[in-house]
Amino acid sequence: MRIKSKWGRGVHEGKVVSVVDGKRIFIHLRPAIETHSLGNMATRRSQSVLTAAIDNVHKIADHMSEPFTHAKRDDVVVLLYASDETRIAALTVLGLGDA
């Protein structure tokens, strides 16, 4: 899986905008305890919201590949991280290091 990412600007400020195997996907990194706020995410009608729980640094690529495989162009993927360690690992997989 090829992933190229950057931090969003303008209307996408605070999101990670990634191209995964040629598809642009909008990514939100959120602590796992914030699941109550997922219903407030603004998406366009044609977008789907896919989620993945990131709780194991050693299996991070496996956890992240599932929603990326099913996402269509311009979908929203929410990565719910369990700890700061898993957040850093997710950013590393996205190619953003510890940003």
PDB file of N, CA and C in Angstrom:
ATOM      1  N   MET A   1       0.835  -1.158   0.000  1.00  0.00           N
ATOM      2  CA  MET A   1       0.000   0.000   0.000  1.00  0.00           C
ATOM      3  C   MET A   1       0.897   1.244   0.000  1.00  0.00           C
ATOM      4  N   ARG A   2       0.673   2.132  -0.959  1.00  0.00           N
ATOM      5  CA  ARG A   2       1.442   3.369  -1.053  1.00  0.00           C
ATOM      6  C   ARG A   2       0.645   4.503  -0.433  1.00  0.00           C
ATOM      7  N   ILE A   3       1.271   5.219   0.512  1.00  0.00           N
ATOM      8  CA  ILE A   3       0.597   6.310   1.209  1.00  0.00           C
ATOM      9  C   ILE A   3       1.463   7.557   1.139  1.00  0.00           C
ATOM     10  N   LYS A   4       0.858   8.654   0.724  1.00  0.00           N
ATOM     11  CA  LYS A   4       1.528   9.954   0.718  1.00  0.00           C
ATOM     12  C   LYS A   4       0.580  10.922   1.422  1.00  0.00           C
ATOM     13  N   SER A   5       1.060  11.606   2.455  1.00  0.00           N
ATOM     14  CA  SER A   5       0.186  12.436   3.276  1.00  0.00           C
ATOM     15  C   SER A   5       0.735  13.837   3.470  1.00  0.00           C
ATOM     16  N   LYS A   6      -0.179  14.744   3.813  1.00  0.00           N
ATOM     17  CA  LYS A   6       0.186  16.098   4.211  1.00  0.00           C
ATOM     18  C   LYS A   6      -0.911  16.603   5.146  1.00  0.00           C
ATOM     19  N   TRP A   7      -0.569  17.612   5.936  1.00  0.00           N
ATOM     20  CA  TRP A   7      -1.566  18.228   6.806  1.00  0.00           C
ATOM     21  C   TRP A   7      -2.450  19.108   5.954  1.00  0.00           C
ATOM     22  N   GLY A   8      -3.769  19.074   6.202  1.00  0.00           N
ATOM     23  CA  GLY A   8      -4.714  19.869   5.440  1.00  0.00           C
ATOM     24  C   GLY A   8      -4.597  21.351   5.737  1.00  0.00           C
ATOM     25  N   ARG A   9      -5.024  22.149   4.788  1.00  0.00           N
ATOM     26  CA  ARG A   9      -5.054  23.608   4.932  1.00  0.00           C
ATOM     27  C   ARG A   9      -6.435  24.094   4.509  1.00  0.00           C
ATOM     28  N   GLY A  10      -6.724  25.333   4.847  1.00  0.00           N
ATOM     29  CA  GLY A  10      -8.001  25.918   4.438  1.00  0.00           C
ATOM     30  C   GLY A  10      -9.165  25.160   5.031  1.00  0.00           C
ATOM     31  N   VAL A  11     -10.088  24.761   4.193  1.00  0.00           N
ATOM     32  CA  VAL A  11     -11.286  24.068   4.658  1.00  0.00           C
ATOM     33  C   VAL A  11     -10.953  22.725   5.306  1.00  0.00           C
ATOM     34  N   HIS A  12      -9.803  22.170   4.998  1.00  0.00           N
ATOM     35  CA  HIS A  12      -9.396  20.869   5.541  1.00  0.00           C
ATOM     36  C   HIS A  12      -8.396  21.017   6.683  1.00  0.00           C
ATOM     37  N   GLU A  13      -8.300  22.194   7.281  1.00  0.00           N
ATOM     38  CA  GLU A  13      -7.342  22.467   8.361  1.00  0.00           C
ATOM     39  C   GLU A  13      -7.493  21.445   9.483  1.00  0.00           C
ATOM     40  N   GLY A  14      -6.369  20.903   9.944  1.00  0.00           N
ATOM     41  CA  GLY A  14      -6.383  19.959  11.053  1.00  0.00           C
ATOM     42  C   GLY A  14      -6.578  18.514  10.645  1.00  0.00           C
ATOM     43  N   LYS A  15      -6.964  18.271   9.410  1.00  0.00           N
ATOM     44  CA  LYS A  15      -7.116  16.909   8.915  1.00  0.00           C
ATOM     45  C   LYS A  15      -5.830  16.502   8.211  1.00  0.00           C
ATOM     46  N   VAL A  16      -5.655  15.219   8.092  1.00  0.00           N
ATOM     47  CA  VAL A  16      -4.572  14.707   7.265  1.00  0.00           C
ATOM     48  C   VAL A  16      -5.197  14.372   5.918  1.00  0.00           C
ATOM     49  N   VAL A  17      -4.598  14.861   4.878  1.00  0.00           N
ATOM     50  CA  VAL A  17      -5.061  14.538   3.536  1.00  0.00           C
ATOM     51  C   VAL A  17      -4.047  13.568   2.963  1.00  0.00           C
ATOM     52  N   SER A  18      -4.504  12.358   2.671  1.00  0.00           N
ATOM     53  CA  SER A  18      -3.603  11.313   2.189  1.00  0.00           C
ATOM     54  C   SER A  18      -4.047  10.812   0.833  1.00  0.00           C
ATOM     55  N   VAL A  19      -3.067  10.369   0.078  1.00  0.00           N
ATOM     56  CA  VAL A  19      -3.354   9.641  -1.152  1.00  0.00           C
ATOM     57  C   VAL A  19      -2.890   8.213  -0.891  1.00  0.00           C
ATOM     58  N   VAL A  20      -3.852   7.304  -0.883  1.00  0.00           N
ATOM     59  CA  VAL A  20      -3.589   5.901  -0.607  1.00  0.00           C
ATOM     60  C   VAL A  20      -3.895   5.119  -1.877  1.00  0.00           C
ATOM     61  N   ASP A  21      -2.868   4.556  -2.457  1.00  0.00           N
ATOM     62  CA  ASP A  21      -3.000   3.806  -3.708  1.00  0.00           C
ATOM     63  C   ASP A  21      -3.796   4.588  -4.753  1.00  0.00           C
ATOM     64  N   GLY A  22      -3.499   5.888  -4.855  1.00  0.00           N
ATOM     65  CA  GLY A  22      -4.125   6.724  -5.871  1.00  0.00           C
ATOM     66  C   GLY A  22      -5.441   7.367  -5.476  1.00  0.00           C
ATOM     67  N   LYS A  23      -5.988   7.059  -4.290  1.00  0.00           N
ATOM     68  CA  LYS A  23      -7.261   7.633  -3.835  1.00  0.00           C
ATOM     69  C   LYS A  23      -6.996   8.681  -2.763  1.00  0.00           C
ATOM     70  N   ARG A  24      -7.562   9.896  -2.938  1.00  0.00           N
ATOM     71  CA  ARG A  24      -7.447  10.913  -1.885  1.00  0.00           C
ATOM     72  C   ARG A  24      -8.433  10.570  -0.774  1.00  0.00           C
ATOM     73  N   ILE A  25      -7.927  10.538   0.453  1.00  0.00           N
ATOM     74  CA  ILE A  25      -8.742  10.205   1.628  1.00  0.00           C
ATOM     75  C   ILE A  25      -8.458  11.249   2.698  1.00  0.00           C
ATOM     76  N   PHE A  26      -9.506  11.681   3.392  1.00  0.00           N
ATOM     77  CA  PHE A  26      -9.362  12.628   4.496  1.00  0.00           C
ATOM     78  C   PHE A  26      -9.314  11.845   5.799  1.00  0.00           C
ATOM     79  N   ILE A  27      -8.300  12.097   6.611  1.00  0.00           N
ATOM     80  CA  ILE A  27      -8.078  11.313   7.821  1.00  0.00           C
ATOM     81  C   ILE A  27      -8.167  12.200   9.049  1.00  0.00           C
ATOM     82  N   HIS A  28      -8.892  11.721  10.041  1.00  0.00           N
ATOM     83  CA  HIS A  28      -8.954  12.365  11.352  1.00  0.00           C
ATOM     84  C   HIS A  28      -8.288  11.424  12.341  1.00  0.00           C
ATOM     85  N   LEU A  29      -7.367  11.938  13.133  1.00  0.00           N
ATOM     86  CA  LEU A  29      -6.768  11.175  14.228  1.00  0.00           C
ATOM     87  C   LEU A  29      -7.419  11.669  15.505  1.00  0.00           C
ATOM     88  N   ARG A  30      -8.056  10.758  16.239  1.00  0.00           N
ATOM     89  CA  ARG A  30      -8.749  11.134  17.465  1.00  0.00           C
ATOM     90  C   ARG A  30      -8.435  10.136  18.563  1.00  0.00           C
ATOM     91  N   PRO A  31      -8.386  10.612  19.815  1.00  0.00           N
ATOM     92  CA  PRO A  31      -8.249   9.665  20.927  1.00  0.00           C
ATOM     93  C   PRO A  31      -9.459   8.729  20.951  1.00  0.00           C
ATOM     94  N   ALA A  32      -9.240   7.494  21.319  1.00  0.00           N
ATOM     95  CA  ALA A  32     -10.321   6.502  21.331  1.00  0.00           C
ATOM     96  C   ALA A  32     -11.473   6.905  22.237  1.00  0.00           C
ATOM     97  N   ILE A  33     -11.220   7.730  23.241  1.00  0.00           N
ATOM     98  CA  ILE A  33     -12.289   8.130  24.156  1.00  0.00           C
ATOM     99  C   ILE A  33     -13.220   9.178  23.543  1.00  0.00           C
ATOM    100  N   GLU A  34     -12.911   9.693  22.348  1.00  0.00           N
ATOM    101  CA  GLU A  34     -13.738  10.709  21.705  1.00  0.00           C
ATOM    102  C   GLU A  34     -14.760  10.136  20.733  1.00  0.00           C
ATOM    103  N   THR A  35     -15.143   8.907  20.871  1.00  0.00           N
ATOM    104  CA  THR A  35     -16.080   8.314  19.928  1.00  0.00           C
ATOM    105  C   THR A  35     -17.430   9.018  19.923  1.00  0.00           C
ATOM    106  N   HIS A  36     -17.787   9.689  21.011  1.00  0.00           N
ATOM    107  CA  HIS A  36     -19.065  10.397  21.057  1.00  0.00           C
ATOM    108  C   HIS A  36     -19.129  11.550  20.060  1.00  0.00           C
ATOM    109  N   SER A  37     -18.007  12.084  19.629  1.00  0.00           N
ATOM    110  CA  SER A  37     -17.996  13.221  18.713  1.00  0.00           C
ATOM    111  C   SER A  37     -18.050  12.803  17.242  1.00  0.00           C
ATOM    112  N   LEU A  38     -18.025  11.516  16.959  1.00  0.00           N
ATOM    113  CA  LEU A  38     -18.031  11.067  15.565  1.00  0.00           C
ATOM    114  C   LEU A  38     -19.327  11.432  14.852  1.00  0.00           C
ATOM    115  N   GLY A  39     -20.425  11.487  15.571  1.00  0.00           N
ATOM    116  CA  GLY A  39     -21.702  11.839  14.955  1.00  0.00           C
ATOM    117  C   GLY A  39     -21.771  13.279  14.504  1.00  0.00           C
ATOM    118  N   ASN A  40     -20.864  14.117  14.988  1.00  0.00           N
ATOM    119  CA  ASN A  40     -20.858  15.533  14.625  1.00  0.00           C
ATOM    120  C   ASN A  40     -19.962  15.841  13.430  1.00  0.00           C
ATOM    121  N   MET A  41     -19.380  14.823  12.818  1.00  0.00           N
ATOM    122  CA  MET A  41     -18.486  15.058  11.691  1.00  0.00           C
ATOM    123  C   MET A  41     -19.292  15.498  10.477  1.00  0.00           C
ATOM    124  N   ALA A  42     -18.857  16.577   9.890  1.00  0.00           N
ATOM    125  CA  ALA A  42     -19.521  17.083   8.691  1.00  0.00           C
ATOM    126  C   ALA A  42     -18.924  16.389   7.469  1.00  0.00           C
ATOM    127  N   THR A  43     -19.759  15.729   6.728  1.00  0.00           N
ATOM    128  CA  THR A  43     -19.318  15.086   5.494  1.00  0.00           C
ATOM    129  C   THR A  43     -20.301  15.435   4.389  1.00  0.00           C
ATOM    130  N   ARG A  44     -19.846  15.305   3.190  1.00  0.00           N
ATOM    131  CA  ARG A  44     -20.742  15.494   2.049  1.00  0.00           C
ATOM    132  C   ARG A  44     -21.558  14.229   1.859  1.00  0.00           C
ATOM    133  N   ARG A  45     -22.639  14.354   1.154  1.00  0.00           N
ATOM    134  CA  ARG A  45     -23.527  13.207   0.936  1.00  0.00           C
ATOM    135  C   ARG A  45     -22.835  11.998   0.339  1.00  0.00           C
ATOM    136  N   SER A  46     -21.913  12.237  -0.555  1.00  0.00           N
ATOM    137  CA  SER A  46     -21.274  11.119  -1.254  1.00  0.00           C
ATOM    138  C   SER A  46     -20.145  10.476  -0.441  1.00  0.00           C
ATOM    139  N   GLN A  47     -19.791  11.055   0.719  1.00  0.00           N
ATOM    140  CA  GLN A  47     -18.679  10.525   1.505  1.00  0.00           C
ATOM    141  C   GLN A  47     -19.156   9.502   2.526  1.00  0.00           C
ATOM    142  N   SER A  48     -18.342   8.495   2.726  1.00  0.00           N
ATOM    143  CA  SER A  48     -18.553   7.536   3.802  1.00  0.00           C
ATOM    144  C   SER A  48     -17.544   7.832   4.905  1.00  0.00           C
ATOM    145  N   VAL A  49     -17.901   7.479   6.137  1.00  0.00           N
ATOM    146  CA  VAL A  49     -16.987   7.598   7.266  1.00  0.00           C
ATOM    147  C   VAL A  49     -16.630   6.193   7.715  1.00  0.00           C
ATOM    148  N   LEU A  50     -15.348   5.873   7.682  1.00  0.00           N
ATOM    149  CA  LEU A  50     -14.858   4.571   8.118  1.00  0.00           C
ATOM    150  C   LEU A  50     -13.981   4.782   9.335  1.00  0.00           C
ATOM    151  N   THR A  51     -14.050   3.876  10.292  1.00  0.00           N
ATOM    152  CA  THR A  51     -13.251   4.020  11.511  1.00  0.00           C
ATOM    153  C   THR A  51     -12.383   2.787  11.739  1.00  0.00           C
ATOM    154  N   ALA A  52     -11.293   3.023  12.456  1.00  0.00           N
ATOM    155  CA  ALA A  52     -10.415   1.923  12.866  1.00  0.00           C
ATOM    156  C   ALA A  52      -9.829   2.272  14.220  1.00  0.00           C
ATOM    157  N   ALA A  53      -9.803   1.295  15.109  1.00  0.00           N
ATOM    158  CA  ALA A  53      -9.183   1.465  16.420  1.00  0.00           C
ATOM    159  C   ALA A  53      -7.719   1.064  16.314  1.00  0.00           C
ATOM    160  N   ILE A  54      -6.855   1.962  16.755  1.00  0.00           N
ATOM    161  CA  ILE A  54      -5.413   1.718  16.715  1.00  0.00           C
ATOM    162  C   ILE A  54      -4.962   1.490  18.157  1.00  0.00           C
ATOM    163  N   ASP A  55      -4.750   0.227  18.514  1.00  0.00           N
ATOM    164  CA  ASP A  55      -4.408  -0.064  19.908  1.00  0.00           C
ATOM    165  C   ASP A  55      -3.147  -0.898  20.083  1.00  0.00           C
ATOM    166  N   ASN A  56      -2.488  -1.223  18.977  1.00  0.00           N
ATOM    167  CA  ASN A  56      -1.299  -2.059  19.049  1.00  0.00           C
ATOM    168  C   ASN A  56      -0.273  -1.551  18.041  1.00  0.00           C
ATOM    169  N   VAL A  57       0.833  -1.028  18.538  1.00  0.00           N
ATOM    170  CA  VAL A  57       1.863  -0.454  17.670  1.00  0.00           C
ATOM    171  C   VAL A  57       2.415  -1.487  16.694  1.00  0.00           C
ATOM    172  N   HIS A  58       2.524  -2.723  17.135  1.00  0.00           N
ATOM    173  CA  HIS A  58       3.117  -3.766  16.298  1.00  0.00           C
ATOM    174  C   HIS A  58       2.198  -4.200  15.162  1.00  0.00           C
ATOM    175  N   LYS A  59       0.900  -3.938  15.281  1.00  0.00           N
ATOM    176  CA  LYS A  59      -0.061  -4.313  14.238  1.00  0.00           C
ATOM    177  C   LYS A  59      -0.679  -3.086  13.581  1.00  0.00           C
ATOM    178  N   ILE A  60      -0.008  -1.955  13.684  1.00  0.00           N
ATOM    179  CA  ILE A  60      -0.571  -0.691  13.213  1.00  0.00           C
ATOM    180  C   ILE A  60      -0.907  -0.709  11.724  1.00  0.00           C
ATOM    181  N   ALA A  61      -0.040  -1.259  10.908  1.00  0.00           N
ATOM    182  CA  ALA A  61      -0.295  -1.303   9.465  1.00  0.00           C
ATOM    183  C   ALA A  61      -1.524  -2.148   9.156  1.00  0.00           C
ATOM    184  N   ASP A  62      -1.703  -3.250   9.882  1.00  0.00           N
ATOM    185  CA  ASP A  62      -2.884  -4.087   9.681  1.00  0.00           C
ATOM    186  C   ASP A  62      -4.157  -3.340  10.053  1.00  0.00           C
ATOM    187  N   HIS A  63      -4.129  -2.637  11.188  1.00  0.00           N
ATOM    188  CA  HIS A  63      -5.304  -1.886  11.634  1.00  0.00           C
ATOM    189  C   HIS A  63      -5.676  -0.796  10.632  1.00  0.00           C
ATOM    190  N   MET A  64      -4.688  -0.126  10.092  1.00  0.00           N
ATOM    191  CA  MET A  64      -4.947   0.990   9.192  1.00  0.00           C
ATOM    192  C   MET A  64      -5.302   0.536   7.781  1.00  0.00           C
ATOM    193  N   SER A  65      -4.834  -0.612   7.358  1.00  0.00           N
ATOM    194  CA  SER A  65      -5.096  -1.046   5.989  1.00  0.00           C
ATOM    195  C   SER A  65      -6.559  -1.394   5.756  1.00  0.00           C
ATOM    196  N   GLU A  66      -7.254  -1.835   6.772  1.00  0.00           N
ATOM    197  CA  GLU A  66      -8.665  -2.230   6.615  1.00  0.00           C
ATOM    198  C   GLU A  66      -9.543  -1.075   6.107  1.00  0.00           C
ATOM    199  N   PRO A  67      -9.592   0.080   6.784  1.00  0.00           N
ATOM    200  CA  PRO A  67     -10.434   1.151   6.249  1.00  0.00           C
ATOM    201  C   PRO A  67      -9.898   1.713   4.936  1.00  0.00           C
ATOM    202  N   PHE A  68      -8.579   1.740   4.764  1.00  0.00           N
ATOM    203  CA  PHE A  68      -8.021   2.257   3.522  1.00  0.00           C
ATOM    204  C   PHE A  68      -8.403   1.386   2.334  1.00  0.00           C
ATOM    205  N   THR A  69      -8.491   0.089   2.550  1.00  0.00           N
ATOM    206  CA  THR A  69      -8.870  -0.832   1.478  1.00  0.00           C
ATOM    207  C   THR A  69     -10.308  -0.584   1.028  1.00  0.00           C
ATOM    208  N   HIS A  70     -11.193  -0.273   1.966  1.00  0.00           N
ATOM    209  CA  HIS A  70     -12.612  -0.099   1.656  1.00  0.00           C
ATOM    210  C   HIS A  70     -12.993   1.333   1.295  1.00  0.00           C
ATOM    211  N   ALA A  71     -12.123   2.284   1.566  1.00  0.00           N
ATOM    212  CA  ALA A  71     -12.436   3.688   1.293  1.00  0.00           C
ATOM    213  C   ALA A  71     -12.456   3.969  -0.200  1.00  0.00           C
ATOM    214  N   LYS A  72     -13.393   4.832  -0.573  1.00  0.00           N
ATOM    215  CA  LYS A  72     -13.455   5.327  -1.939  1.00  0.00           C
ATOM    216  C   LYS A  72     -12.849   6.722  -1.942  1.00  0.00           C
ATOM    217  N   ARG A  73     -12.620   7.244  -3.119  1.00  0.00           N
ATOM    218  CA  ARG A  73     -12.046   8.590  -3.259  1.00  0.00           C
ATOM    219  C   ARG A  73     -12.846   9.602  -2.444  1.00  0.00           C
ATOM    220  N   ASP A  74     -12.149  10.429  -1.683  1.00  0.00           N
ATOM    221  CA  ASP A  74     -12.688  11.518  -0.859  1.00  0.00           C
ATOM    222  C   ASP A  74     -13.464  11.056   0.373  1.00  0.00           C
ATOM    223  N   ASP A  75     -13.415   9.774   0.717  1.00  0.00           N
ATOM    224  CA  ASP A  75     -14.046   9.315   1.955  1.00  0.00           C
ATOM    225  C   ASP A  75     -13.264   9.826   3.164  1.00  0.00           C
ATOM    226  N   VAL A  76     -13.883   9.708   4.322  1.00  0.00           N
ATOM    227  CA  VAL A  76     -13.281  10.129   5.580  1.00  0.00           C
ATOM    228  C   VAL A  76     -12.935   8.881   6.387  1.00  0.00           C
ATOM    229  N   VAL A  77     -11.697   8.799   6.850  1.00  0.00           N
ATOM    230  CA  VAL A  77     -11.266   7.697   7.711  1.00  0.00           C
ATOM    231  C   VAL A  77     -10.898   8.290   9.064  1.00  0.00           C
ATOM    232  N   VAL A  78     -11.495   7.742  10.120  1.00  0.00           N
ATOM    233  CA  VAL A  78     -11.199   8.182  11.478  1.00  0.00           C
ATOM    234  C   VAL A  78     -10.359   7.101  12.137  1.00  0.00           C
ATOM    235  N   LEU A  79      -9.170   7.483  12.569  1.00  0.00           N
ATOM    236  CA  LEU A  79      -8.276   6.562  13.274  1.00  0.00           C
ATOM    237  C   LEU A  79      -8.339   6.908  14.752  1.00  0.00           C
ATOM    238  N   LEU A  80      -8.865   5.997  15.537  1.00  0.00           N
ATOM    239  CA  LEU A  80      -9.015   6.186  16.985  1.00  0.00           C
ATOM    240  C   LEU A  80      -7.821   5.551  17.678  1.00  0.00           C
ATOM    241  N   TYR A  81      -6.954   6.380  18.232  1.00  0.00           N
ATOM    242  CA  TYR A  81      -5.736   5.854  18.842  1.00  0.00           C
ATOM    243  C   TYR A  81      -5.910   5.695  20.347  1.00  0.00           C
ATOM    244  N   ALA A  82      -5.279   4.653  20.880  1.00  0.00           N
ATOM    245  CA  ALA A  82      -5.408   4.307  22.298  1.00  0.00           C
ATOM    246  C   ALA A  82      -4.424   5.047  23.186  1.00  0.00           C
ATOM    247  N   SER A  83      -3.295   5.469  22.628  1.00  0.00           N
ATOM    248  CA  SER A  83      -2.253   6.116  23.430  1.00  0.00           C
ATOM    249  C   SER A  83      -1.432   7.034  22.534  1.00  0.00           C
ATOM    250  N   ASP A  84      -0.586   7.829  23.156  1.00  0.00           N
ATOM    251  CA  ASP A  84       0.285   8.696  22.374  1.00  0.00           C
ATOM    252  C   ASP A  84       1.225   7.868  21.504  1.00  0.00           C
ATOM    253  N   GLU A  85       1.634   6.717  22.018  1.00  0.00           N
ATOM    254  CA  GLU A  85       2.511   5.823  21.256  1.00  0.00           C
ATOM    255  C   GLU A  85       1.834   5.351  19.964  1.00  0.00           C
ATOM    256  N   THR A  86       0.556   5.005  20.043  1.00  0.00           N
ATOM    257  CA  THR A  86      -0.154   4.557  18.841  1.00  0.00           C
ATOM    258  C   THR A  86      -0.430   5.724  17.893  1.00  0.00           C
ATOM    259  N   ARG A  87      -0.632   6.938  18.425  1.00  0.00           N
ATOM    260  CA  ARG A  87      -0.812   8.122  17.574  1.00  0.00           C
ATOM    261  C   ARG A  87       0.455   8.380  16.776  1.00  0.00           C
ATOM    262  N   ILE A  88       1.604   8.324  17.430  1.00  0.00           N
ATOM    263  CA  ILE A  88       2.884   8.550  16.762  1.00  0.00           C
ATOM    264  C   ILE A  88       3.121   7.477  15.699  1.00  0.00           C
ATOM    265  N   ALA A  89       2.798   6.232  16.014  1.00  0.00           N
ATOM    266  CA  ALA A  89       2.971   5.142  15.045  1.00  0.00           C
ATOM    267  C   ALA A  89       2.066   5.345  13.826  1.00  0.00           C
ATOM    268  N   ALA A  90       0.825   5.801  14.049  1.00  0.00           N
ATOM    269  CA  ALA A  90      -0.095   6.060  12.932  1.00  0.00           C
ATOM    270  C   ALA A  90       0.445   7.179  12.050  1.00  0.00           C
ATOM    271  N   LEU A  91       0.953   8.249  12.657  1.00  0.00           N
ATOM    272  CA  LEU A  91       1.531   9.345  11.868  1.00  0.00           C
ATOM    273  C   LEU A  91       2.744   8.880  11.071  1.00  0.00           C
ATOM    274  N   THR A  92       3.518   7.969  11.650  1.00  0.00           N
ATOM    275  CA  THR A  92       4.675   7.424  10.950  1.00  0.00           C
ATOM    276  C   THR A  92       4.239   6.636   9.724  1.00  0.00           C
ATOM    277  N   VAL A  93       3.214   5.798   9.875  1.00  0.00           N
ATOM    278  CA  VAL A  93       2.693   5.031   8.729  1.00  0.00           C
ATOM    279  C   VAL A  93       2.186   5.988   7.650  1.00  0.00           C
ATOM    280  N   LEU A  94       1.586   7.104   8.060  1.00  0.00           N
ATOM    281  CA  LEU A  94       1.081   8.084   7.100  1.00  0.00           C
ATOM    282  C   LEU A  94       2.195   8.915   6.478  1.00  0.00           C
ATOM    283  N   GLY A  95       3.421   8.772   6.987  1.00  0.00           N
ATOM    284  CA  GLY A  95       4.548   9.505   6.446  1.00  0.00           C
ATOM    285  C   GLY A  95       4.713  10.895   7.023  1.00  0.00           C
ATOM    286  N   LEU A  96       4.113  11.139   8.201  1.00  0.00           N
ATOM    287  CA  LEU A  96       4.177  12.456   8.809  1.00  0.00           C
ATOM    288  C   LEU A  96       5.058  12.505  10.052  1.00  0.00           C
ATOM    289  N   GLY A  97       5.621  11.383  10.450  1.00  0.00           N
ATOM    290  CA  GLY A  97       6.470  11.368  11.639  1.00  0.00           C
ATOM    291  C   GLY A  97       5.724  11.882  12.849  1.00  0.00           C
ATOM    292  N   ASP A  98       6.402  12.437  13.813  1.00  0.00           N
ATOM    293  CA  ASP A  98       5.752  12.966  15.014  1.00  0.00           C
ATOM    294  C   ASP A  98       5.417  14.437  14.813  1.00  0.00           C
ATOM    295  N   ALA A  99       4.313  14.658  14.125  1.00  0.00           N
ATOM    296  CA  ALA A  99       3.887  16.039  13.850  1.00  0.00           C
ATOM    297  C   ALA A  99       2.871  16.495  14.843  1.00  0.00           C
TER     298      ALA A  99
END
